[in-house]
Amino acid sequence: MLYAITLNYIRPVDEIESHLDTHRDWLIEHTRQGRILVAGPLEPRTGGFVLATCENRAELDAMLEDDSFYVHKLVDYTVVAATPALRAGDFPAQWAPDAKAV
């Protein structure tokens, strides 16, 4: 399942910045494990965006709970699950196995 996750800052930017290194480490770890596909800041800088793939919502929630932004209550998360029906031909099939390549 694909998950679109929006992180919205709920604390001052100086608090966010003091945890950016550990947040980036978390992003890198889960990207290397194949769970995070893309991630980056929003424009304007009000939060961030993560596109992730997990077996189910419980796996995603466990992953999010390890993020320093979650631990220190710095962000609110909005999570939307998607089951892709179509994908570009060069989009990796493993991230949308039931989607028709077009």
PDB file of N, CA and C in Angstrom:
ATOM      1  N   MET A   1       0.849  -1.172   0.000  1.00  0.00           N
ATOM      2  CA  MET A   1       0.000   0.000   0.000  1.00  0.00           C
ATOM      3  C   MET A   1       0.896   1.237   0.000  1.00  0.00           C
ATOM      4  N   LEU A   2       0.498   2.216  -0.778  1.00  0.00           N
ATOM      5  CA  LEU A   2       1.209   3.498  -0.794  1.00  0.00           C
ATOM      6  C   LEU A   2       0.535   4.457   0.179  1.00  0.00           C
ATOM      7  N   TYR A   3       1.357   5.253   0.849  1.00  0.00           N
ATOM      8  CA  TYR A   3       0.856   6.240   1.800  1.00  0.00           C
ATOM      9  C   TYR A   3       1.472   7.595   1.486  1.00  0.00           C
ATOM     10  N   ALA A   4       0.613   8.604   1.360  1.00  0.00           N
ATOM     11  CA  ALA A   4       1.055   9.991   1.230  1.00  0.00           C
ATOM     12  C   ALA A   4       0.921  10.612   2.613  1.00  0.00           C
ATOM     13  N   ILE A   5       2.035  11.086   3.147  1.00  0.00           N
ATOM     14  CA  ILE A   5       2.077  11.606   4.511  1.00  0.00           C
ATOM     15  C   ILE A   5       2.500  13.065   4.463  1.00  0.00           C
ATOM     16  N   THR A   6       1.667  13.921   5.027  1.00  0.00           N
ATOM     17  CA  THR A   6       2.011  15.331   5.149  1.00  0.00           C
ATOM     18  C   THR A   6       2.303  15.617   6.612  1.00  0.00           C
ATOM     19  N   LEU A   7       3.457  16.218   6.862  1.00  0.00           N
ATOM     20  CA  LEU A   7       3.845  16.629   8.204  1.00  0.00           C
ATOM     21  C   LEU A   7       3.625  18.133   8.293  1.00  0.00           C
ATOM     22  N   ASN A   8       2.892  18.573   9.302  1.00  0.00           N
ATOM     23  CA  ASN A   8       2.640  19.995   9.515  1.00  0.00           C
ATOM     24  C   ASN A   8       3.271  20.407  10.837  1.00  0.00           C
ATOM     25  N   TYR A   9       4.169  21.392  10.776  1.00  0.00           N
ATOM     26  CA  TYR A   9       4.837  21.865  11.983  1.00  0.00           C
ATOM     27  C   TYR A   9       3.819  22.451  12.954  1.00  0.00           C
ATOM     28  N   ILE A  10       3.924  22.059  14.232  1.00  0.00           N
ATOM     29  CA  ILE A  10       3.063  22.622  15.276  1.00  0.00           C
ATOM     30  C   ILE A  10       3.892  23.281  16.373  1.00  0.00           C
ATOM     31  N   ARG A  11       5.184  23.327  16.178  1.00  0.00           N
ATOM     32  CA  ARG A  11       6.101  23.967  17.130  1.00  0.00           C
ATOM     33  C   ARG A  11       6.928  24.994  16.368  1.00  0.00           C
ATOM     34  N   PRO A  12       7.572  25.917  17.096  1.00  0.00           N
ATOM     35  CA  PRO A  12       8.401  26.933  16.433  1.00  0.00           C
ATOM     36  C   PRO A  12       9.539  26.308  15.618  1.00  0.00           C
ATOM     37  N   VAL A  13       9.942  27.018  14.571  1.00  0.00           N
ATOM     38  CA  VAL A  13      10.968  26.519  13.652  1.00  0.00           C
ATOM     39  C   VAL A  13      12.271  26.190  14.375  1.00  0.00           C
ATOM     40  N   ASP A  14      12.654  26.950  15.405  1.00  0.00           N
ATOM     41  CA  ASP A  14      13.902  26.645  16.113  1.00  0.00           C
ATOM     42  C   ASP A  14      13.834  25.276  16.789  1.00  0.00           C
ATOM     43  N   GLU A  15      12.662  24.872  17.270  1.00  0.00           N
ATOM     44  CA  GLU A  15      12.514  23.530  17.840  1.00  0.00           C
ATOM     45  C   GLU A  15      12.602  22.472  16.742  1.00  0.00           C
ATOM     46  N   ILE A  16      12.003  22.755  15.604  1.00  0.00           N
ATOM     47  CA  ILE A  16      12.069  21.831  14.466  1.00  0.00           C
ATOM     48  C   ILE A  16      13.522  21.634  14.062  1.00  0.00           C
ATOM     49  N   GLU A  17      14.241  22.741  13.895  1.00  0.00           N
ATOM     50  CA  GLU A  17      15.629  22.683  13.428  1.00  0.00           C
ATOM     51  C   GLU A  17      16.536  21.930  14.389  1.00  0.00           C
ATOM     52  N   SER A  18      16.234  21.970  15.681  1.00  0.00           N
ATOM     53  CA  SER A  18      17.084  21.258  16.639  1.00  0.00           C
ATOM     54  C   SER A  18      16.941  19.742  16.519  1.00  0.00           C
ATOM     55  N   HIS A  19      15.927  19.272  15.802  1.00  0.00           N
ATOM     56  CA  HIS A  19      15.718  17.828  15.620  1.00  0.00           C
ATOM     57  C   HIS A  19      15.845  17.392  14.161  1.00  0.00           C
ATOM     58  N   LEU A  20      16.272  18.302  13.287  1.00  0.00           N
ATOM     59  CA  LEU A  20      16.366  17.962  11.860  1.00  0.00           C
ATOM     60  C   LEU A  20      17.355  16.837  11.579  1.00  0.00           C
ATOM     61  N   ASP A  21      18.495  16.828  12.257  1.00  0.00           N
ATOM     62  CA  ASP A  21      19.495  15.785  11.984  1.00  0.00           C
ATOM     63  C   ASP A  21      18.947  14.397  12.293  1.00  0.00           C
ATOM     64  N   THR A  22      18.289  14.240  13.444  1.00  0.00           N
ATOM     65  CA  THR A  22      17.750  12.915  13.782  1.00  0.00           C
ATOM     66  C   THR A  22      16.571  12.557  12.874  1.00  0.00           C
ATOM     67  N   HIS A  23      15.796  13.561  12.475  1.00  0.00           N
ATOM     68  CA  HIS A  23      14.701  13.312  11.527  1.00  0.00           C
ATOM     69  C   HIS A  23      15.265  12.845  10.183  1.00  0.00           C
ATOM     70  N   ARG A  24      16.315  13.509   9.705  1.00  0.00           N
ATOM     71  CA  ARG A  24      16.941  13.097   8.431  1.00  0.00           C
ATOM     72  C   ARG A  24      17.516  11.691   8.534  1.00  0.00           C
ATOM     73  N   ASP A  25      18.129  11.367   9.671  1.00  0.00           N
ATOM     74  CA  ASP A  25      18.650  10.007   9.869  1.00  0.00           C
ATOM     75  C   ASP A  25      17.522   8.985   9.763  1.00  0.00           C
ATOM     76  N   TRP A  26      16.378   9.315  10.346  1.00  0.00           N
ATOM     77  CA  TRP A  26      15.204   8.436  10.280  1.00  0.00           C
ATOM     78  C   TRP A  26      14.752   8.278   8.828  1.00  0.00           C
ATOM     79  N   LEU A  27      14.691   9.392   8.093  1.00  0.00           N
ATOM     80  CA  LEU A  27      14.310   9.338   6.679  1.00  0.00           C
ATOM     81  C   LEU A  27      15.270   8.458   5.885  1.00  0.00           C
ATOM     82  N   ILE A  28      16.569   8.656   6.090  1.00  0.00           N
ATOM     83  CA  ILE A  28      17.587   7.883   5.363  1.00  0.00           C
ATOM     84  C   ILE A  28      17.468   6.400   5.688  1.00  0.00           C
ATOM     85  N   GLU A  29      17.310   6.072   6.965  1.00  0.00           N
ATOM     86  CA  GLU A  29      17.191   4.666   7.373  1.00  0.00           C
ATOM     87  C   GLU A  29      16.023   3.985   6.664  1.00  0.00           C
ATOM     88  N   HIS A  30      14.871   4.623   6.659  1.00  0.00           N
ATOM     89  CA  HIS A  30      13.691   3.988   6.060  1.00  0.00           C
ATOM     90  C   HIS A  30      13.710   4.048   4.535  1.00  0.00           C
ATOM     91  N   THR A  31      14.415   5.009   3.972  1.00  0.00           N
ATOM     92  CA  THR A  31      14.606   5.031   2.519  1.00  0.00           C
ATOM     93  C   THR A  31      15.488   3.856   2.108  1.00  0.00           C
ATOM     94  N   ARG A  32      16.551   3.634   2.845  1.00  0.00           N
ATOM     95  CA  ARG A  32      17.438   2.489   2.551  1.00  0.00           C
ATOM     96  C   ARG A  32      16.720   1.158   2.713  1.00  0.00           C
ATOM     97  N   GLN A  33      15.773   1.089   3.644  1.00  0.00           N
ATOM     98  CA  GLN A  33      15.006  -0.141   3.854  1.00  0.00           C
ATOM     99  C   GLN A  33      13.896  -0.317   2.815  1.00  0.00           C
ATOM    100  N   GLY A  34      13.701   0.699   1.971  1.00  0.00           N
ATOM    101  CA  GLY A  34      12.704   0.608   0.918  1.00  0.00           C
ATOM    102  C   GLY A  34      11.309   1.039   1.316  1.00  0.00           C
ATOM    103  N   ARG A  35      11.145   1.580   2.508  1.00  0.00           N
ATOM    104  CA  ARG A  35       9.818   2.011   2.957  1.00  0.00           C
ATOM    105  C   ARG A  35       9.485   3.431   2.515  1.00  0.00           C
ATOM    106  N   ILE A  36      10.469   4.328   2.539  1.00  0.00           N
ATOM    107  CA  ILE A  36      10.237   5.700   2.097  1.00  0.00           C
ATOM    108  C   ILE A  36      10.722   5.812   0.663  1.00  0.00           C
ATOM    109  N   LEU A  37       9.843   6.277  -0.210  1.00  0.00           N
ATOM    110  CA  LEU A  37      10.164   6.385  -1.633  1.00  0.00           C
ATOM    111  C   LEU A  37      10.696   7.766  -1.974  1.00  0.00           C
ATOM    112  N   VAL A  38      10.060   8.796  -1.463  1.00  0.00           N
ATOM    113  CA  VAL A  38      10.520  10.178  -1.629  1.00  0.00           C
ATOM    114  C   VAL A  38      10.120  10.957  -0.383  1.00  0.00           C
ATOM    115  N   ALA A  39      10.896  11.999  -0.086  1.00  0.00           N
ATOM    116  CA  ALA A  39      10.592  12.851   1.065  1.00  0.00           C
ATOM    117  C   ALA A  39      11.234  14.205   0.861  1.00  0.00           C
ATOM    118  N   GLY A  40      10.626  15.218   1.440  1.00  0.00           N
ATOM    119  CA  GLY A  40      11.210  16.545   1.360  1.00  0.00           C
ATOM    120  C   GLY A  40      10.324  17.586   2.008  1.00  0.00           C
ATOM    121  N   PRO A  41      10.851  18.805   2.122  1.00  0.00           N
ATOM    122  CA  PRO A  41      10.101  19.885   2.764  1.00  0.00           C
ATOM    123  C   PRO A  41       8.994  20.416   1.860  1.00  0.00           C
ATOM    124  N   LEU A  42       7.975  20.959   2.486  1.00  0.00           N
ATOM    125  CA  LEU A  42       6.914  21.649   1.757  1.00  0.00           C
ATOM    126  C   LEU A  42       7.362  23.070   1.446  1.00  0.00           C
ATOM    127  N   GLU A  43       6.764  23.659   0.432  1.00  0.00           N
ATOM    128  CA  GLU A  43       6.975  25.073   0.106  1.00  0.00           C
ATOM    129  C   GLU A  43       5.623  25.762   0.148  1.00  0.00           C
ATOM    130  N   PRO A  44       5.408  26.741   0.998  1.00  0.00           N
ATOM    131  CA  PRO A  44       6.370  27.312   1.927  1.00  0.00           C
ATOM    132  C   PRO A  44       6.700  26.323   3.044  1.00  0.00           C
ATOM    133  N   ARG A  45       7.707  26.638   3.802  1.00  0.00           N
ATOM    134  CA  ARG A  45       8.246  25.711   4.799  1.00  0.00           C
ATOM    135  C   ARG A  45       7.329  25.611   6.024  1.00  0.00           C
ATOM    136  N   THR A  46       6.274  24.842   5.852  1.00  0.00           N
ATOM    137  CA  THR A  46       5.304  24.628   6.924  1.00  0.00           C
ATOM    138  C   THR A  46       5.290  23.186   7.402  1.00  0.00           C
ATOM    139  N   GLY A  47       6.130  22.358   6.794  1.00  0.00           N
ATOM    140  CA  GLY A  47       6.165  20.945   7.131  1.00  0.00           C
ATOM    141  C   GLY A  47       6.895  20.167   6.062  1.00  0.00           C
ATOM    142  N   GLY A  48       6.510  18.911   5.901  1.00  0.00           N
ATOM    143  CA  GLY A  48       7.178  18.057   4.931  1.00  0.00           C
ATOM    144  C   GLY A  48       6.215  17.065   4.310  1.00  0.00           C
ATOM    145  N   PHE A  49       6.733  16.340   3.323  1.00  0.00           N
ATOM    146  CA  PHE A  49       5.951  15.338   2.607  1.00  0.00           C
ATOM    147  C   PHE A  49       6.763  14.060   2.507  1.00  0.00           C
ATOM    148  N   VAL A  50       6.096  12.930   2.714  1.00  0.00           N
ATOM    149  CA  VAL A  50       6.723  11.615   2.583  1.00  0.00           C
ATOM    150  C   VAL A  50       5.785  10.726   1.770  1.00  0.00           C
ATOM    151  N   LEU A  51       6.329  10.035   0.785  1.00  0.00           N
ATOM    152  CA  LEU A  51       5.603   8.984   0.087  1.00  0.00           C
ATOM    153  C   LEU A  51       6.233   7.678   0.534  1.00  0.00           C
ATOM    154  N   ALA A  52       5.421   6.825   1.147  1.00  0.00           N
ATOM    155  CA  ALA A  52       5.945   5.592   1.734  1.00  0.00           C
ATOM    156  C   ALA A  52       5.159   4.390   1.235  1.00  0.00           C
ATOM    157  N   THR A  53       5.788   3.237   1.346  1.00  0.00           N
ATOM    158  CA  THR A  53       5.118   1.980   1.058  1.00  0.00           C
ATOM    159  C   THR A  53       5.298   1.067   2.266  1.00  0.00           C
ATOM    160  N   CYS A  54       4.188   0.534   2.754  1.00  0.00           N
ATOM    161  CA  CYS A  54       4.193  -0.388   3.889  1.00  0.00           C
ATOM    162  C   CYS A  54       3.122  -1.443   3.641  1.00  0.00           C
ATOM    163  N   GLU A  55       3.249  -2.565   4.304  1.00  0.00           N
ATOM    164  CA  GLU A  55       2.263  -3.638   4.146  1.00  0.00           C
ATOM    165  C   GLU A  55       0.884  -3.199   4.621  1.00  0.00           C
ATOM    166  N   ASN A  56       0.844  -2.405   5.687  1.00  0.00           N
ATOM    167  CA  ASN A  56      -0.437  -1.989   6.257  1.00  0.00           C
ATOM    168  C   ASN A  56      -0.241  -0.748   7.123  1.00  0.00           C
ATOM    169  N   ARG A  57      -1.336  -0.215   7.623  1.00  0.00           N
ATOM    170  CA  ARG A  57      -1.281   1.017   8.417  1.00  0.00           C
ATOM    171  C   ARG A  57      -0.532   0.802   9.734  1.00  0.00           C
ATOM    172  N   ALA A  58      -0.647  -0.363  10.329  1.00  0.00           N
ATOM    173  CA  ALA A  58       0.061  -0.633  11.583  1.00  0.00           C
ATOM    174  C   ALA A  58       1.571  -0.538  11.384  1.00  0.00           C
ATOM    175  N   GLU A  59       2.078  -1.069  10.268  1.00  0.00           N
ATOM    176  CA  GLU A  59       3.510  -0.976   9.975  1.00  0.00           C
ATOM    177  C   GLU A  59       3.918   0.481   9.775  1.00  0.00           C
ATOM    178  N   LEU A  60       3.090   1.238   9.069  1.00  0.00           N
ATOM    179  CA  LEU A  60       3.381   2.655   8.864  1.00  0.00           C
ATOM    180  C   LEU A  60       3.392   3.403  10.192  1.00  0.00           C
ATOM    181  N   ASP A  61       2.393   3.175  11.031  1.00  0.00           N
ATOM    182  CA  ASP A  61       2.325   3.866  12.321  1.00  0.00           C
ATOM    183  C   ASP A  61       3.545   3.557  13.180  1.00  0.00           C
ATOM    184  N   ALA A  62       3.985   2.311  13.194  1.00  0.00           N
ATOM    185  CA  ALA A  62       5.178   1.947  13.959  1.00  0.00           C
ATOM    186  C   ALA A  62       6.399   2.689  13.432  1.00  0.00           C
ATOM    187  N   MET A  63       6.505   2.826  12.115  1.00  0.00           N
ATOM    188  CA  MET A  63       7.616   3.565  11.516  1.00  0.00           C
ATOM    189  C   MET A  63       7.555   5.034  11.925  1.00  0.00           C
ATOM    190  N   LEU A  64       6.386   5.654  11.821  1.00  0.00           N
ATOM    191  CA  LEU A  64       6.241   7.071  12.165  1.00  0.00           C
ATOM    192  C   LEU A  64       6.556   7.330  13.633  1.00  0.00           C
ATOM    193  N   GLU A  65       6.200   6.413  14.503  1.00  0.00           N
ATOM    194  CA  GLU A  65       6.420   6.594  15.935  1.00  0.00           C
ATOM    195  C   GLU A  65       7.892   6.609  16.314  1.00  0.00           C
ATOM    196  N   ASP A  66       8.777   6.169  15.418  1.00  0.00           N
ATOM    197  CA  ASP A  66      10.225   6.217  15.659  1.00  0.00           C
ATOM    198  C   ASP A  66      10.852   7.532  15.218  1.00  0.00           C
ATOM    199  N   ASP A  67      10.107   8.374  14.530  1.00  0.00           N
ATOM    200  CA  ASP A  67      10.619   9.652  14.041  1.00  0.00           C
ATOM    201  C   ASP A  67      10.760  10.625  15.208  1.00  0.00           C
ATOM    202  N   SER A  68      11.887  11.328  15.272  1.00  0.00           N
ATOM    203  CA  SER A  68      12.106  12.296  16.355  1.00  0.00           C
ATOM    204  C   SER A  68      11.055  13.400  16.340  1.00  0.00           C
ATOM    205  N   PHE A  69      10.525  13.734  15.173  1.00  0.00           N
ATOM    206  CA  PHE A  69       9.464  14.741  15.108  1.00  0.00           C
ATOM    207  C   PHE A  69       8.209  14.246  15.839  1.00  0.00           C
ATOM    208  N   TYR A  70       7.932  12.948  15.747  1.00  0.00           N
ATOM    209  CA  TYR A  70       6.802  12.353  16.461  1.00  0.00           C
ATOM    210  C   TYR A  70       7.095  12.284  17.956  1.00  0.00           C
ATOM    211  N   VAL A  71       8.274  11.779  18.294  1.00  0.00           N
ATOM    212  CA  VAL A  71       8.663  11.593  19.696  1.00  0.00           C
ATOM    213  C   VAL A  71       8.570  12.904  20.472  1.00  0.00           C
ATOM    214  N   HIS A  72       9.004  13.996  19.853  1.00  0.00           N
ATOM    215  CA  HIS A  72       9.037  15.302  20.525  1.00  0.00           C
ATOM    216  C   HIS A  72       7.799  16.152  20.229  1.00  0.00           C
ATOM    217  N   LYS A  73       6.784  15.527  19.601  1.00  0.00           N
ATOM    218  CA  LYS A  73       5.502  16.195  19.322  1.00  0.00           C
ATOM    219  C   LYS A  73       5.685  17.526  18.593  1.00  0.00           C
ATOM    220  N   LEU A  74       6.461  17.486  17.508  1.00  0.00           N
ATOM    221  CA  LEU A  74       6.766  18.684  16.733  1.00  0.00           C
ATOM    222  C   LEU A  74       5.853  18.867  15.528  1.00  0.00           C
ATOM    223  N   VAL A  75       5.193  17.797  15.106  1.00  0.00           N
ATOM    224  CA  VAL A  75       4.367  17.847  13.897  1.00  0.00           C
ATOM    225  C   VAL A  75       3.056  17.098  14.103  1.00  0.00           C
ATOM    226  N   ASP A  76       2.080  17.472  13.295  1.00  0.00           N
ATOM    227  CA  ASP A  76       0.874  16.671  13.114  1.00  0.00           C
ATOM    228  C   ASP A  76       1.026  15.956  11.781  1.00  0.00           C
ATOM    229  N   TYR A  77       0.540  14.730  11.716  1.00  0.00           N
ATOM    230  CA  TYR A  77       0.618  13.949  10.490  1.00  0.00           C
ATOM    231  C   TYR A  77      -0.768  13.822   9.863  1.00  0.00           C
ATOM    232  N   THR A  78      -0.821  13.956   8.555  1.00  0.00           N
ATOM    233  CA  THR A  78      -2.011  13.607   7.787  1.00  0.00           C
ATOM    234  C   THR A  78      -1.593  12.473   6.865  1.00  0.00           C
ATOM    235  N   VAL A  79      -2.283  11.351   6.976  1.00  0.00           N
ATOM    236  CA  VAL A  79      -1.927  10.161   6.200  1.00  0.00           C
ATOM    237  C   VAL A  79      -3.093   9.794   5.292  1.00  0.00           C
ATOM    238  N   VAL A  80      -2.782   9.600   4.016  1.00  0.00           N
ATOM    239  CA  VAL A  80      -3.773   9.154   3.046  1.00  0.00           C
ATOM    240  C   VAL A  80      -3.228   7.891   2.385  1.00  0.00           C
ATOM    241  N   ALA A  81      -4.021   6.825   2.418  1.00  0.00           N
ATOM    242  CA  ALA A  81      -3.629   5.568   1.783  1.00  0.00           C
ATOM    243  C   ALA A  81      -4.176   5.530   0.366  1.00  0.00           C
ATOM    244  N   ALA A  82      -3.423   4.892  -0.517  1.00  0.00           N
ATOM    245  CA  ALA A  82      -3.855   4.761  -1.909  1.00  0.00           C
ATOM    246  C   ALA A  82      -3.527   3.369  -2.423  1.00  0.00           C
ATOM    247  N   THR A  83      -4.443   2.845  -3.215  1.00  0.00           N
ATOM    248  CA  THR A  83      -4.207   1.600  -3.931  1.00  0.00           C
ATOM    249  C   THR A  83      -4.190   1.959  -5.408  1.00  0.00           C
ATOM    250  N   PRO A  84      -3.011   2.166  -5.972  1.00  0.00           N
ATOM    251  CA  PRO A  84      -2.926   2.617  -7.361  1.00  0.00           C
ATOM    252  C   PRO A  84      -3.558   1.619  -8.338  1.00  0.00           C
ATOM    253  N   ALA A  85      -4.313   2.166  -9.287  1.00  0.00           N
ATOM    254  CA  ALA A  85      -4.911   1.356 -10.341  1.00  0.00           C
ATOM    255  C   ALA A  85      -4.114   1.471 -11.637  1.00  0.00           C
ATOM    256  N   LEU A  86      -3.436   2.605 -11.829  1.00  0.00           N
ATOM    257  CA  LEU A  86      -2.600   2.847 -13.007  1.00  0.00           C
ATOM    258  C   LEU A  86      -1.223   3.306 -12.553  1.00  0.00           C
ATOM    259  N   ARG A  87      -0.220   2.987 -13.357  1.00  0.00           N
ATOM    260  CA  ARG A  87       1.131   3.471 -13.089  1.00  0.00           C
ATOM    261  C   ARG A  87       1.837   3.688 -14.414  1.00  0.00           C
ATOM    262  N   ALA A  88       2.779   4.617 -14.414  1.00  0.00           N
ATOM    263  CA  ALA A  88       3.616   4.815 -15.594  1.00  0.00           C
ATOM    264  C   ALA A  88       4.428   3.550 -15.826  1.00  0.00           C
ATOM    265  N   GLY A  89       4.731   3.272 -17.076  1.00  0.00           N
ATOM    266  CA  GLY A  89       5.461   2.056 -17.417  1.00  0.00           C
ATOM    267  C   GLY A  89       6.788   1.915 -16.704  1.00  0.00           C
ATOM    268  N   ASP A  90       7.454   3.040 -16.411  1.00  0.00           N
ATOM    269  CA  ASP A  90       8.751   2.956 -15.742  1.00  0.00           C
ATOM    270  C   ASP A  90       8.655   3.135 -14.223  1.00  0.00           C
ATOM    271  N   PHE A  91       7.433   3.232 -13.692  1.00  0.00           N
ATOM    272  CA  PHE A  91       7.248   3.297 -12.241  1.00  0.00           C
ATOM    273  C   PHE A  91       7.427   1.884 -11.696  1.00  0.00           C
ATOM    274  N   PRO A  92       8.233   1.699 -10.641  1.00  0.00           N
ATOM    275  CA  PRO A  92       8.510   0.347 -10.142  1.00  0.00           C
ATOM    276  C   PRO A  92       7.245  -0.419  -9.751  1.00  0.00           C
ATOM    277  N   ALA A  93       7.064  -1.571 -10.345  1.00  0.00           N
ATOM    278  CA  ALA A  93       5.879  -2.395 -10.109  1.00  0.00           C
ATOM    279  C   ALA A  93       5.756  -2.813  -8.650  1.00  0.00           C
ATOM    280  N   GLN A  94       6.867  -2.963  -7.948  1.00  0.00           N
ATOM    281  CA  GLN A  94       6.804  -3.404  -6.550  1.00  0.00           C
ATOM    282  C   GLN A  94       6.056  -2.406  -5.660  1.00  0.00           C
ATOM    283  N   TRP A  95       5.986  -1.132  -6.065  1.00  0.00           N
ATOM    284  CA  TRP A  95       5.304  -0.117  -5.261  1.00  0.00           C
ATOM    285  C   TRP A  95       3.831   0.007  -5.621  1.00  0.00           C
ATOM    286  N   ALA A  96       3.425  -0.584  -6.707  1.00  0.00           N
ATOM    287  CA  ALA A  96       2.025  -0.579  -7.137  1.00  0.00           C
ATOM    288  C   ALA A  96       1.758  -1.876  -7.888  1.00  0.00           C
ATOM    289  N   PRO A  97       1.832  -3.012  -7.179  1.00  0.00           N
ATOM    290  CA  PRO A  97       1.797  -4.307  -7.857  1.00  0.00           C
ATOM    291  C   PRO A  97       0.503  -4.613  -8.600  1.00  0.00           C
ATOM    292  N   ASP A  98      -0.603  -4.022  -8.183  1.00  0.00           N
ATOM    293  CA  ASP A  98      -1.880  -4.304  -8.844  1.00  0.00           C
ATOM    294  C   ASP A  98      -2.245  -3.260  -9.889  1.00  0.00           C
ATOM    295  N   ALA A  99      -1.377  -2.267 -10.056  1.00  0.00           N
ATOM    296  CA  ALA A  99      -1.658  -1.188 -11.006  1.00  0.00           C
ATOM    297  C   ALA A  99      -1.288  -1.610 -12.424  1.00  0.00           C
ATOM    298  N   LYS A 100      -2.105  -1.191 -13.362  1.00  0.00           N
ATOM    299  CA  LYS A 100      -1.834  -1.466 -14.771  1.00  0.00           C
ATOM    300  C   LYS A 100      -0.787  -0.474 -15.274  1.00  0.00           C
ATOM    301  N   ALA A 101       0.269  -0.985 -15.884  1.00  0.00           N
ATOM    302  CA  ALA A 101       1.301  -0.129 -16.477  1.00  0.00           C
ATOM    303  C   ALA A 101       0.790   0.412 -17.801  1.00  0.00           C
ATOM    304  N   VAL A 102       0.904   1.722 -17.988  1.00  0.00           N
ATOM    305  CA  VAL A 102       0.449   2.337 -19.241  1.00  0.00           C
ATOM    306  C   VAL A 102       1.574   3.139 -19.867  1.00  0.00           C
TER     307      VAL A 102
END
